[in-house]
Amino acid sequence: MELHKFERQLRLMMMLTQNRNYTLEELGKRLDMSARNVYRYIDAFKMAGFVVRKRNKCYYLDKSSPYFKDITSLVHFTEEEAYVLKRAIESIDGNTAMKQDLKQKLYKVYDYKILSEIVVRNGIGDNVHFLYEAIKEKKKVVLCQYKSSNSHATRDRVVEPFAFTPNNSEIWCYELASGMNKLFKVSRIGRVQMLEEAWEAEDKHRGGYTDVFHNSSDQRLPVKLRLGMNAANLLVEEYPLAEKYLTKEDGNHWLFETEVCRYEGVARFVLGLMEDIEVLGSDEFNVFLREKLRMGANKLKV
C-alpha cells in the first residue's frame, strides 16, 4: 500500500513540473484517484517546503521550489537515453526479482511508449502530451498557429497525428486539407487543440523514416561501412541506436549497414574518422563524400 501511495505522489510531482498545468479533477483522472486525495498530496508537498501555485484552477510546482531543477532534469528522457537505460536493465542476468522490480518502477512512473518512442522536453511538453493522447485515441487535432518554413505563413492546420520521430522534434500527420502525409516540427506548433472527431483517413497514413543520425524523411539511402575498433566505439557512444546495425567481422573490425535519410549525418561521422573507416557502399555515397572533400579542399586553397 505504501509503495502504491509513493508511486502516485511521484507521478503527481512529475505532472506538477510539466509545461501543462492541470486542474484537481484532471490530476485525479490521470492518477486514478479522487480530487480530494490529490489535494491532500499537494498539501503534503507544501508542508515539505515545495511552493505549489494555482492559476485558473490549475496547479503547478513553482520554479523556486527546492530541487525543482533536479526533478525536471530527471523526468525527461531522450530516445537514446531510454534505449541505454532499457538495455542496461535487460543486461541483468536472468529473470531476477531485482530486474523485474526495476522494470515495474520505471514503467509505472513512465508510460513505456512515451519512454521509448518520444522525448518530452522543456517548452513542448504540453504539445507532446496532447499529440500522444490524440495518437492513442485516434483523434484529429488542430496545430494552432503552426509556423511553416516552406510557405513562411502562420496558420492553423487540421491533421491526424500518427507517429513521432525520435527526440520528439517532429511528428508525422495526415493533413486533411492537402490530403498528404507531412512532417511537422513540434517546436513550431503554437498549441495543440484536440478535437472530438475520429481519424477518417487511417488507411492513408504513411510515416517516413528516421535514421540513427536523427534525420527524417520519406526516402531511404543504403550505407555500408567497415569500422575499426575506435570508429565502432565512437559510433555507439554518439549514436546508441546504431548498435542494432553493427555486426562483428573479426577481432578488430565491425560492419555497419543501415539506411539513412540524407548523407550529411553519416558523412560527418565518416569524414571525421577517415583513417578508421572504409566505405563499402553505396556508389552514391562515395560520390557524395568525394564532392564534400573537393569542396573542402577548394576552401582550404582560398
C-alpha atoms as a PDB file:
ATOM      1  CA  MET A   1       0.000   0.000   0.000  1.00  0.00           C
ATOM      2  CA  GLU A   2       2.805   2.430   0.906  1.00  0.00           C
ATOM      3  CA  LEU A   3       4.603   1.711  -2.387  1.00  0.00           C
ATOM      4  CA  HIS A   4       1.405   2.436  -4.346  1.00  0.00           C
ATOM      5  CA  LYS A   5       0.977   5.702  -2.418  1.00  0.00           C
ATOM      6  CA  PHE A   6       4.574   6.725  -3.103  1.00  0.00           C
ATOM      7  CA  GLU A   7       4.153   5.921  -6.799  1.00  0.00           C
ATOM      8  CA  ARG A   8       1.151   8.270  -7.047  1.00  0.00           C
ATOM      9  CA  GLN A   9       2.992  11.011  -5.151  1.00  0.00           C
ATOM     10  CA  LEU A  10       5.942  10.727  -7.526  1.00  0.00           C
ATOM     11  CA  ARG A  11       3.724  10.808 -10.613  1.00  0.00           C
ATOM     12  CA  LEU A  12       1.867  13.825  -9.229  1.00  0.00           C
ATOM     13  CA  MET A  13       5.127  15.674  -8.578  1.00  0.00           C
ATOM     14  CA  MET A  14       6.249  14.962 -12.147  1.00  0.00           C
ATOM     15  CA  MET A  15       2.963  16.258 -13.547  1.00  0.00           C
ATOM     16  CA  LEU A  16       3.255  19.444 -11.499  1.00  0.00           C
ATOM     17  CA  THR A  17       6.651  20.173 -13.102  1.00  0.00           C
ATOM     18  CA  GLN A  18       5.455  19.776 -16.700  1.00  0.00           C
ATOM     19  CA  ASN A  19       4.665  22.643 -19.041  1.00  0.00           C
ATOM     20  CA  ARG A  20       0.986  21.799 -18.960  1.00  0.00           C
ATOM     21  CA  ASN A  21      -0.949  22.736 -15.796  1.00  0.00           C
ATOM     22  CA  TYR A  22      -3.810  20.534 -14.595  1.00  0.00           C
ATOM     23  CA  THR A  23      -6.931  21.097 -12.502  1.00  0.00           C
ATOM     24  CA  LEU A  24      -7.557  18.883  -9.478  1.00  0.00           C
ATOM     25  CA  GLU A  25     -10.109  16.900 -11.474  1.00  0.00           C
ATOM     26  CA  GLU A  26      -7.673  16.345 -14.364  1.00  0.00           C
ATOM     27  CA  LEU A  27      -4.929  15.277 -11.978  1.00  0.00           C
ATOM     28  CA  GLY A  28      -7.297  12.879 -10.264  1.00  0.00           C
ATOM     29  CA  LYS A  29      -8.397  11.360 -13.552  1.00  0.00           C
ATOM     30  CA  ARG A  30      -4.841  10.735 -14.710  1.00  0.00           C
ATOM     31  CA  LEU A  31      -3.788   9.333 -11.340  1.00  0.00           C
ATOM     32  CA  ASP A  32      -6.982   7.303 -10.875  1.00  0.00           C
ATOM     33  CA  MET A  33      -7.839   8.912  -7.556  1.00  0.00           C
ATOM     34  CA  SER A  34     -10.268  11.469  -6.153  1.00  0.00           C
ATOM     35  CA  ALA A  35      -9.650  15.216  -6.419  1.00  0.00           C
ATOM     36  CA  ARG A  36      -9.802  15.335  -2.624  1.00  0.00           C
ATOM     37  CA  ASN A  37      -6.888  12.914  -2.296  1.00  0.00           C
ATOM     38  CA  VAL A  38      -4.915  14.837  -4.902  1.00  0.00           C
ATOM     39  CA  TYR A  39      -5.346  17.992  -2.837  1.00  0.00           C
ATOM     40  CA  ARG A  40      -4.131  16.112   0.272  1.00  0.00           C
ATOM     41  CA  TYR A  41      -0.956  15.156  -1.586  1.00  0.00           C
ATOM     42  CA  ILE A  42      -0.479  18.745  -2.770  1.00  0.00           C
ATOM     43  CA  ASP A  43      -0.934  19.898   0.815  1.00  0.00           C
ATOM     44  CA  ALA A  44       1.753  17.422   1.876  1.00  0.00           C
ATOM     45  CA  PHE A  45       4.112  18.860  -0.749  1.00  0.00           C
ATOM     46  CA  LYS A  46       3.548  22.341   0.678  1.00  0.00           C
ATOM     47  CA  MET A  47       4.291  21.107   4.192  1.00  0.00           C
ATOM     48  CA  ALA A  48       7.532  19.592   2.869  1.00  0.00           C
ATOM     49  CA  GLY A  49       8.632  23.010   1.610  1.00  0.00           C
ATOM     50  CA  PHE A  50       7.572  22.908  -2.026  1.00  0.00           C
ATOM     51  CA  VAL A  51       5.934  26.015  -3.488  1.00  0.00           C
ATOM     52  CA  VAL A  52       2.715  24.967  -5.245  1.00  0.00           C
ATOM     53  CA  ARG A  53       0.920  27.676  -7.230  1.00  0.00           C
ATOM     54  CA  LYS A  54      -2.637  27.842  -8.549  1.00  0.00           C
ATOM     55  CA  ARG A  55      -3.669  29.724 -11.671  1.00  0.00           C
ATOM     56  CA  ASN A  56      -7.087  29.472 -13.352  1.00  0.00           C
ATOM     57  CA  LYS A  57      -7.934  26.420 -11.222  1.00  0.00           C
ATOM     58  CA  CYS A  58      -4.717  24.725 -12.373  1.00  0.00           C
ATOM     59  CA  TYR A  59      -1.843  23.696 -10.133  1.00  0.00           C
ATOM     60  CA  TYR A  60       1.897  23.702 -10.786  1.00  0.00           C
ATOM     61  CA  LEU A  61       5.162  23.491  -8.886  1.00  0.00           C
ATOM     62  CA  ASP A  62       6.890  26.875  -8.698  1.00  0.00           C
ATOM     63  CA  LYS A  63      10.452  27.031 -10.032  1.00  0.00           C
ATOM     64  CA  SER A  64      11.574  28.479  -6.710  1.00  0.00           C
ATOM     65  CA  SER A  65      10.769  25.169  -5.021  1.00  0.00           C
ATOM     66  CA  PRO A  66      13.741  23.261  -3.624  1.00  0.00           C
ATOM     67  CA  TYR A  67      15.211  20.697  -6.018  1.00  0.00           C
ATOM     68  CA  PHE A  68      12.954  21.914  -8.844  1.00  0.00           C
ATOM     69  CA  LYS A  69      15.772  21.742 -11.416  1.00  0.00           C
ATOM     70  CA  ASP A  70      16.800  18.322 -10.172  1.00  0.00           C
ATOM     71  CA  ILE A  71      13.255  16.993 -10.505  1.00  0.00           C
ATOM     72  CA  THR A  72      12.665  18.392 -14.002  1.00  0.00           C
ATOM     73  CA  SER A  73      16.022  17.130 -15.244  1.00  0.00           C
ATOM     74  CA  LEU A  74      15.156  13.641 -14.032  1.00  0.00           C
ATOM     75  CA  VAL A  75      11.749  13.361 -15.701  1.00  0.00           C
ATOM     76  CA  HIS A  76      12.934  13.964 -19.274  1.00  0.00           C
ATOM     77  CA  PHE A  77      14.406  11.172 -21.390  1.00  0.00           C
ATOM     78  CA  THR A  78      15.687  11.153 -24.955  1.00  0.00           C
ATOM     79  CA  GLU A  79      15.033   8.045 -27.026  1.00  0.00           C
ATOM     80  CA  GLU A  80      18.719   7.190 -26.857  1.00  0.00           C
ATOM     81  CA  GLU A  81      18.760   7.601 -23.065  1.00  0.00           C
ATOM     82  CA  ALA A  82      15.696   5.365 -22.820  1.00  0.00           C
ATOM     83  CA  TYR A  83      17.340   2.818 -25.099  1.00  0.00           C
ATOM     84  CA  VAL A  84      20.513   2.755 -22.994  1.00  0.00           C
ATOM     85  CA  LEU A  85      18.502   2.533 -19.769  1.00  0.00           C
ATOM     86  CA  LYS A  86      16.331  -0.292 -21.074  1.00  0.00           C
ATOM     87  CA  ARG A  87      19.420  -2.101 -22.395  1.00  0.00           C
ATOM     88  CA  ALA A  88      21.121  -1.768 -19.013  1.00  0.00           C
ATOM     89  CA  ILE A  89      18.119  -3.309 -17.242  1.00  0.00           C
ATOM     90  CA  GLU A  90      17.843  -6.107 -19.791  1.00  0.00           C
ATOM     91  CA  SER A  91      21.558  -6.893 -19.372  1.00  0.00           C
ATOM     92  CA  ILE A  92      20.978  -8.090 -15.805  1.00  0.00           C
ATOM     93  CA  ASP A  93      21.416 -11.860 -15.862  1.00  0.00           C
ATOM     94  CA  GLY A  94      18.326 -13.990 -15.570  1.00  0.00           C
ATOM     95  CA  ASN A  95      14.827 -13.011 -14.621  1.00  0.00           C
ATOM     96  CA  THR A  96      15.708 -11.841 -11.129  1.00  0.00           C
ATOM     97  CA  ALA A  97      13.390 -10.093  -8.703  1.00  0.00           C
ATOM     98  CA  MET A  98      15.592  -7.002  -8.843  1.00  0.00           C
ATOM     99  CA  LYS A  99      15.322  -6.896 -12.642  1.00  0.00           C
ATOM    100  CA  GLN A 100      11.544  -7.147 -12.545  1.00  0.00           C
ATOM    101  CA  ASP A 101      11.358  -4.562  -9.775  1.00  0.00           C
ATOM    102  CA  LEU A 102      13.418  -2.093 -11.783  1.00  0.00           C
ATOM    103  CA  LYS A 103      11.168  -2.584 -14.813  1.00  0.00           C
ATOM    104  CA  GLN A 104       7.995  -2.162 -12.798  1.00  0.00           C
ATOM    105  CA  LYS A 105       9.231   1.003 -11.108  1.00  0.00           C
ATOM    106  CA  LEU A 106      10.349   2.514 -14.393  1.00  0.00           C
ATOM    107  CA  TYR A 107       7.233   1.637 -16.367  1.00  0.00           C
ATOM    108  CA  LYS A 108       4.841   2.656 -13.606  1.00  0.00           C
ATOM    109  CA  VAL A 109       6.324   6.141 -13.484  1.00  0.00           C
ATOM    110  CA  TYR A 110       6.571   6.490 -17.285  1.00  0.00           C
ATOM    111  CA  ASP A 111       4.243   5.299 -19.977  1.00  0.00           C
ATOM    112  CA  TYR A 112       6.571   2.885 -21.791  1.00  0.00           C
ATOM    113  CA  LYS A 113       5.521   4.082 -25.225  1.00  0.00           C
ATOM    114  CA  ILE A 114       6.447   7.629 -24.274  1.00  0.00           C
ATOM    115  CA  LEU A 115       9.671   6.486 -22.671  1.00  0.00           C
ATOM    116  CA  SER A 116      10.899   4.502 -25.654  1.00  0.00           C
ATOM    117  CA  GLU A 117       9.487   6.401 -28.607  1.00  0.00           C
ATOM    118  CA  ILE A 118       9.332  10.091 -27.784  1.00  0.00           C
ATOM    119  CA  VAL A 119      11.068  12.684 -25.734  1.00  0.00           C
ATOM    120  CA  VAL A 120       9.370  15.218 -23.501  1.00  0.00           C
ATOM    121  CA  ARG A 121      11.449  18.389 -23.482  1.00  0.00           C
ATOM    122  CA  ASN A 122      11.031  21.653 -21.661  1.00  0.00           C
ATOM    123  CA  GLY A 123       8.904  24.056 -23.702  1.00  0.00           C
ATOM    124  CA  ILE A 124       6.934  21.498 -25.716  1.00  0.00           C
ATOM    125  CA  GLY A 125       5.758  19.010 -23.095  1.00  0.00           C
ATOM    126  CA  ASP A 126       2.154  20.197 -23.306  1.00  0.00           C
ATOM    127  CA  ASN A 127       2.013  19.748 -27.075  1.00  0.00           C
ATOM    128  CA  VAL A 128       3.655  16.332 -26.800  1.00  0.00           C
ATOM    129  CA  HIS A 129       1.074  15.201 -24.263  1.00  0.00           C
ATOM    130  CA  PHE A 130      -1.900  16.184 -26.432  1.00  0.00           C
ATOM    131  CA  LEU A 131      -0.357  14.730 -29.585  1.00  0.00           C
ATOM    132  CA  TYR A 132       0.385  11.449 -27.853  1.00  0.00           C
ATOM    133  CA  GLU A 133      -3.158  11.291 -26.482  1.00  0.00           C
ATOM    134  CA  ALA A 134      -4.549  12.017 -29.964  1.00  0.00           C
ATOM    135  CA  ILE A 135      -2.482   9.184 -31.439  1.00  0.00           C
ATOM    136  CA  LYS A 136      -3.589   6.795 -28.713  1.00  0.00           C
ATOM    137  CA  GLU A 137      -7.263   7.730 -29.117  1.00  0.00           C
ATOM    138  CA  LYS A 138      -7.061   8.128 -32.924  1.00  0.00           C
ATOM    139  CA  LYS A 139      -8.429  11.672 -32.840  1.00  0.00           C
ATOM    140  CA  LYS A 140      -7.919  14.684 -35.073  1.00  0.00           C
ATOM    141  CA  VAL A 141      -6.182  17.784 -33.744  1.00  0.00           C
ATOM    142  CA  VAL A 142      -5.626  21.382 -34.751  1.00  0.00           C
ATOM    143  CA  LEU A 143      -1.999  22.511 -34.858  1.00  0.00           C
ATOM    144  CA  CYS A 144      -2.768  26.077 -33.863  1.00  0.00           C
ATOM    145  CA  GLN A 145      -0.632  28.860 -35.298  1.00  0.00           C
ATOM    146  CA  TYR A 146       1.804  26.490 -36.977  1.00  0.00           C
ATOM    147  CA  LYS A 147       4.793  28.355 -38.439  1.00  0.00           C
ATOM    148  CA  SER A 148       5.707  26.882 -41.805  1.00  0.00           C
ATOM    149  CA  SER A 149       9.230  27.386 -43.138  1.00  0.00           C
ATOM    150  CA  ASN A 150       8.095  26.467 -46.663  1.00  0.00           C
ATOM    151  CA  SER A 151       5.227  28.914 -47.096  1.00  0.00           C
ATOM    152  CA  HIS A 152       6.519  31.398 -44.479  1.00  0.00           C
ATOM    153  CA  ALA A 153       2.940  31.514 -43.188  1.00  0.00           C
ATOM    154  CA  THR A 154       1.465  31.013 -39.731  1.00  0.00           C
ATOM    155  CA  ARG A 155      -1.916  29.316 -39.695  1.00  0.00           C
ATOM    156  CA  ASP A 156      -3.983  26.529 -38.140  1.00  0.00           C
ATOM    157  CA  ARG A 157      -3.635  23.034 -39.607  1.00  0.00           C
ATOM    158  CA  VAL A 158      -6.229  20.276 -39.073  1.00  0.00           C
ATOM    159  CA  VAL A 159      -4.392  16.965 -39.054  1.00  0.00           C
ATOM    160  CA  GLU A 160      -4.443  13.338 -37.958  1.00  0.00           C
ATOM    161  CA  PRO A 161      -1.190  12.785 -36.000  1.00  0.00           C
ATOM    162  CA  PHE A 162       0.068   9.212 -36.050  1.00  0.00           C
ATOM    163  CA  ALA A 163       3.827   8.917 -35.391  1.00  0.00           C
ATOM    164  CA  PHE A 164       6.595  10.834 -33.618  1.00  0.00           C
ATOM    165  CA  THR A 165      10.165  10.905 -34.816  1.00  0.00           C
ATOM    166  CA  PRO A 166      12.913  10.181 -32.246  1.00  0.00           C
ATOM    167  CA  ASN A 167      13.792  13.057 -29.896  1.00  0.00           C
ATOM    168  CA  ASN A 168      10.249  14.344 -30.249  1.00  0.00           C
ATOM    169  CA  SER A 169      11.399  17.015 -32.668  1.00  0.00           C
ATOM    170  CA  GLU A 170       8.841  16.201 -35.386  1.00  0.00           C
ATOM    171  CA  ILE A 171       5.581  14.344 -35.865  1.00  0.00           C
ATOM    172  CA  TRP A 172       4.065  12.656 -38.898  1.00  0.00           C
ATOM    173  CA  CYS A 173       0.498  13.751 -39.632  1.00  0.00           C
ATOM    174  CA  TYR A 174      -2.053  13.310 -42.361  1.00  0.00           C
ATOM    175  CA  GLU A 175      -3.256  16.793 -43.329  1.00  0.00           C
ATOM    176  CA  LEU A 176      -6.931  16.827 -44.280  1.00  0.00           C
ATOM    177  CA  ALA A 177      -6.789  19.939 -46.486  1.00  0.00           C
ATOM    178  CA  SER A 178      -3.973  18.749 -48.732  1.00  0.00           C
ATOM    179  CA  GLY A 179      -4.651  15.011 -48.471  1.00  0.00           C
ATOM    180  CA  MET A 180      -0.950  14.433 -47.820  1.00  0.00           C
ATOM    181  CA  ASN A 181       1.252  12.945 -45.099  1.00  0.00           C
ATOM    182  CA  LYS A 182       3.532  15.665 -43.773  1.00  0.00           C
ATOM    183  CA  LEU A 183       6.235  16.053 -41.165  1.00  0.00           C
ATOM    184  CA  PHE A 184       5.571  18.885 -38.698  1.00  0.00           C
ATOM    185  CA  LYS A 185       8.143  20.299 -36.288  1.00  0.00           C
ATOM    186  CA  VAL A 186       6.742  20.252 -32.752  1.00  0.00           C
ATOM    187  CA  SER A 187       8.674  23.405 -31.831  1.00  0.00           C
ATOM    188  CA  ARG A 188       6.732  25.371 -34.474  1.00  0.00           C
ATOM    189  CA  ILE A 189       3.309  24.477 -33.061  1.00  0.00           C
ATOM    190  CA  GLY A 190       1.729  27.262 -31.035  1.00  0.00           C
ATOM    191  CA  ARG A 191      -0.547  24.837 -29.198  1.00  0.00           C
ATOM    192  CA  VAL A 192      -2.422  21.630 -29.886  1.00  0.00           C
ATOM    193  CA  GLN A 193      -6.217  21.591 -29.781  1.00  0.00           C
ATOM    194  CA  MET A 194      -7.703  18.122 -29.536  1.00  0.00           C
ATOM    195  CA  LEU A 195     -10.910  17.507 -31.479  1.00  0.00           C
ATOM    196  CA  GLU A 196     -13.672  15.002 -30.785  1.00  0.00           C
ATOM    197  CA  GLU A 197     -13.596  13.832 -34.395  1.00  0.00           C
ATOM    198  CA  ALA A 198     -12.013  10.420 -35.003  1.00  0.00           C
ATOM    199  CA  TRP A 199      -9.499   9.736 -37.772  1.00  0.00           C
ATOM    200  CA  GLU A 200     -11.107   9.306 -41.163  1.00  0.00           C
ATOM    201  CA  ALA A 201      -8.055   8.519 -43.287  1.00  0.00           C
ATOM    202  CA  GLU A 202      -6.090   5.955 -41.276  1.00  0.00           C
ATOM    203  CA  ASP A 203      -5.555   3.821 -44.379  1.00  0.00           C
ATOM    204  CA  LYS A 204      -3.667   6.745 -45.930  1.00  0.00           C
ATOM    205  CA  HIS A 205      -1.257   7.243 -43.023  1.00  0.00           C
ATOM    206  CA  ARG A 206       2.282   6.715 -44.297  1.00  0.00           C
ATOM    207  CA  GLY A 207       5.081   7.691 -41.965  1.00  0.00           C
ATOM    208  CA  GLY A 208       8.600   8.436 -43.074  1.00  0.00           C
ATOM    209  CA  TYR A 209      11.830   7.038 -41.721  1.00  0.00           C
ATOM    210  CA  THR A 210      14.211   8.402 -39.077  1.00  0.00           C
ATOM    211  CA  ASP A 211      17.797   7.199 -39.231  1.00  0.00           C
ATOM    212  CA  VAL A 212      20.241   6.721 -36.365  1.00  0.00           C
ATOM    213  CA  PHE A 213      21.793  10.124 -37.107  1.00  0.00           C
ATOM    214  CA  HIS A 214      18.473  11.852 -36.261  1.00  0.00           C
ATOM    215  CA  ASN A 215      17.495  12.763 -39.835  1.00  0.00           C
ATOM    216  CA  SER A 216      13.915  12.147 -41.018  1.00  0.00           C
ATOM    217  CA  SER A 217      12.385  11.937 -44.494  1.00  0.00           C
ATOM    218  CA  ASP A 218      10.377   9.644 -46.756  1.00  0.00           C
ATOM    219  CA  GLN A 219      13.486   8.366 -48.573  1.00  0.00           C
ATOM    220  CA  ARG A 220      15.982   5.686 -47.554  1.00  0.00           C
ATOM    221  CA  LEU A 221      19.558   5.624 -48.810  1.00  0.00           C
ATOM    222  CA  PRO A 222      21.653   2.483 -48.187  1.00  0.00           C
ATOM    223  CA  VAL A 223      25.045   2.811 -46.499  1.00  0.00           C
ATOM    224  CA  LYS A 224      27.589   0.102 -45.653  1.00  0.00           C
ATOM    225  CA  LEU A 225      30.826   0.765 -43.749  1.00  0.00           C
ATOM    226  CA  ARG A 226      33.690  -1.274 -42.315  1.00  0.00           C
ATOM    227  CA  LEU A 227      34.696   0.245 -38.985  1.00  0.00           C
ATOM    228  CA  GLY A 228      37.805  -0.165 -36.910  1.00  0.00           C
ATOM    229  CA  MET A 229      37.539  -0.548 -33.159  1.00  0.00           C
ATOM    230  CA  ASN A 230      37.840   3.185 -32.454  1.00  0.00           C
ATOM    231  CA  ALA A 231      35.208   4.145 -35.031  1.00  0.00           C
ATOM    232  CA  ALA A 232      32.806   1.417 -33.842  1.00  0.00           C
ATOM    233  CA  ASN A 233      33.144   2.501 -30.215  1.00  0.00           C
ATOM    234  CA  LEU A 234      32.622   6.171 -31.064  1.00  0.00           C
ATOM    235  CA  LEU A 235      29.604   5.386 -33.261  1.00  0.00           C
ATOM    236  CA  VAL A 236      27.788   3.586 -30.434  1.00  0.00           C
ATOM    237  CA  GLU A 237      28.783   6.238 -27.883  1.00  0.00           C
ATOM    238  CA  GLU A 238      27.497   9.112 -30.034  1.00  0.00           C
ATOM    239  CA  TYR A 239      24.545   7.278 -31.615  1.00  0.00           C
ATOM    240  CA  PRO A 240      23.480   4.382 -29.305  1.00  0.00           C
ATOM    241  CA  LEU A 241      20.695   3.241 -31.653  1.00  0.00           C
ATOM    242  CA  ALA A 242      23.370   2.439 -34.270  1.00  0.00           C
ATOM    243  CA  GLU A 243      24.343  -0.645 -32.270  1.00  0.00           C
ATOM    244  CA  LYS A 244      21.403  -2.514 -33.764  1.00  0.00           C
ATOM    245  CA  TYR A 245      23.042  -2.281 -37.206  1.00  0.00           C
ATOM    246  CA  LEU A 246      26.565  -3.361 -36.192  1.00  0.00           C
ATOM    247  CA  THR A 247      27.911  -6.883 -36.738  1.00  0.00           C
ATOM    248  CA  LYS A 248      31.373  -8.045 -35.733  1.00  0.00           C
ATOM    249  CA  GLU A 249      33.532  -9.053 -38.700  1.00  0.00           C
ATOM    250  CA  ASP A 250      36.695 -10.053 -36.807  1.00  0.00           C
ATOM    251  CA  GLY A 251      38.604  -9.084 -33.678  1.00  0.00           C
ATOM    252  CA  ASN A 252      39.216  -5.505 -34.820  1.00  0.00           C
ATOM    253  CA  HIS A 253      36.509  -4.707 -37.387  1.00  0.00           C
ATOM    254  CA  TRP A 254      32.755  -4.233 -37.456  1.00  0.00           C
ATOM    255  CA  LEU A 255      30.326  -3.895 -40.351  1.00  0.00           C
ATOM    256  CA  PHE A 256      27.764  -1.111 -40.132  1.00  0.00           C
ATOM    257  CA  GLU A 257      24.900  -1.457 -42.611  1.00  0.00           C
ATOM    258  CA  THR A 258      21.782   0.674 -42.465  1.00  0.00           C
ATOM    259  CA  GLU A 259      19.643   3.169 -44.360  1.00  0.00           C
ATOM    260  CA  VAL A 260      19.834   6.924 -43.911  1.00  0.00           C
ATOM    261  CA  CYS A 261      17.515   9.736 -44.896  1.00  0.00           C
ATOM    262  CA  ARG A 262      20.307  12.026 -46.028  1.00  0.00           C
ATOM    263  CA  TYR A 263      24.029  11.506 -46.427  1.00  0.00           C
ATOM    264  CA  GLU A 264      25.007  14.578 -44.373  1.00  0.00           C
ATOM    265  CA  GLY A 265      24.791  12.920 -40.960  1.00  0.00           C
ATOM    266  CA  VAL A 266      26.750   9.772 -41.745  1.00  0.00           C
ATOM    267  CA  ALA A 267      29.188  11.775 -43.895  1.00  0.00           C
ATOM    268  CA  ARG A 268      30.181  13.970 -40.948  1.00  0.00           C
ATOM    269  CA  PHE A 269      30.946  10.827 -38.967  1.00  0.00           C
ATOM    270  CA  VAL A 270      32.945   9.205 -41.777  1.00  0.00           C
ATOM    271  CA  LEU A 271      34.969  12.298 -42.666  1.00  0.00           C
ATOM    272  CA  GLY A 272      35.923  12.789 -39.025  1.00  0.00           C
ATOM    273  CA  LEU A 273      37.337   9.237 -38.798  1.00  0.00           C
ATOM    274  CA  MET A 274      38.533   8.559 -42.329  1.00  0.00           C
ATOM    275  CA  GLU A 275      41.605   6.619 -41.197  1.00  0.00           C
ATOM    276  CA  ASP A 276      39.435   4.072 -39.342  1.00  0.00           C
ATOM    277  CA  ILE A 277      36.512   3.699 -41.771  1.00  0.00           C
ATOM    278  CA  GLU A 278      36.205   2.013 -45.157  1.00  0.00           C
ATOM    279  CA  VAL A 279      33.149   2.808 -47.278  1.00  0.00           C
ATOM    280  CA  LEU A 280      31.781  -0.401 -48.820  1.00  0.00           C
ATOM    281  CA  GLY A 281      28.653   1.169 -50.280  1.00  0.00           C
ATOM    282  CA  SER A 282      26.853   2.738 -51.836  1.00  0.00           C
ATOM    283  CA  ASP A 283      28.300   4.273 -55.016  1.00  0.00           C
ATOM    284  CA  GLU A 284      26.129   7.340 -54.488  1.00  0.00           C
ATOM    285  CA  PHE A 285      27.546   7.813 -51.006  1.00  0.00           C
ATOM    286  CA  ASN A 286      31.099   7.584 -52.362  1.00  0.00           C
ATOM    287  CA  VAL A 287      30.283  10.291 -54.896  1.00  0.00           C
ATOM    288  CA  PHE A 288      28.801  12.441 -52.111  1.00  0.00           C
ATOM    289  CA  LEU A 289      31.945  12.051 -49.985  1.00  0.00           C
ATOM    290  CA  ARG A 290      34.283  12.895 -52.881  1.00  0.00           C
ATOM    291  CA  GLU A 291      32.291  16.054 -53.569  1.00  0.00           C
ATOM    292  CA  LYS A 292      32.493  17.051 -49.910  1.00  0.00           C
ATOM    293  CA  LEU A 293      36.257  16.522 -49.929  1.00  0.00           C
ATOM    294  CA  ARG A 294      36.638  18.521 -53.145  1.00  0.00           C
ATOM    295  CA  MET A 295      34.660  21.437 -51.742  1.00  0.00           C
ATOM    296  CA  GLY A 296      36.683  21.326 -48.530  1.00  0.00           C
ATOM    297  CA  ALA A 297      39.949  21.300 -50.455  1.00  0.00           C
ATOM    298  CA  ASN A 298      38.859  24.320 -52.528  1.00  0.00           C
ATOM    299  CA  LYS A 299      38.061  26.275 -49.368  1.00  0.00           C
ATOM    300  CA  LEU A 300      41.473  25.464 -47.909  1.00  0.00           C
ATOM    301  CA  LYS A 301      43.141  26.816 -51.058  1.00  0.00           C
ATOM    302  CA  VAL A 302      41.299  30.076 -50.634  1.00  0.00           C
END
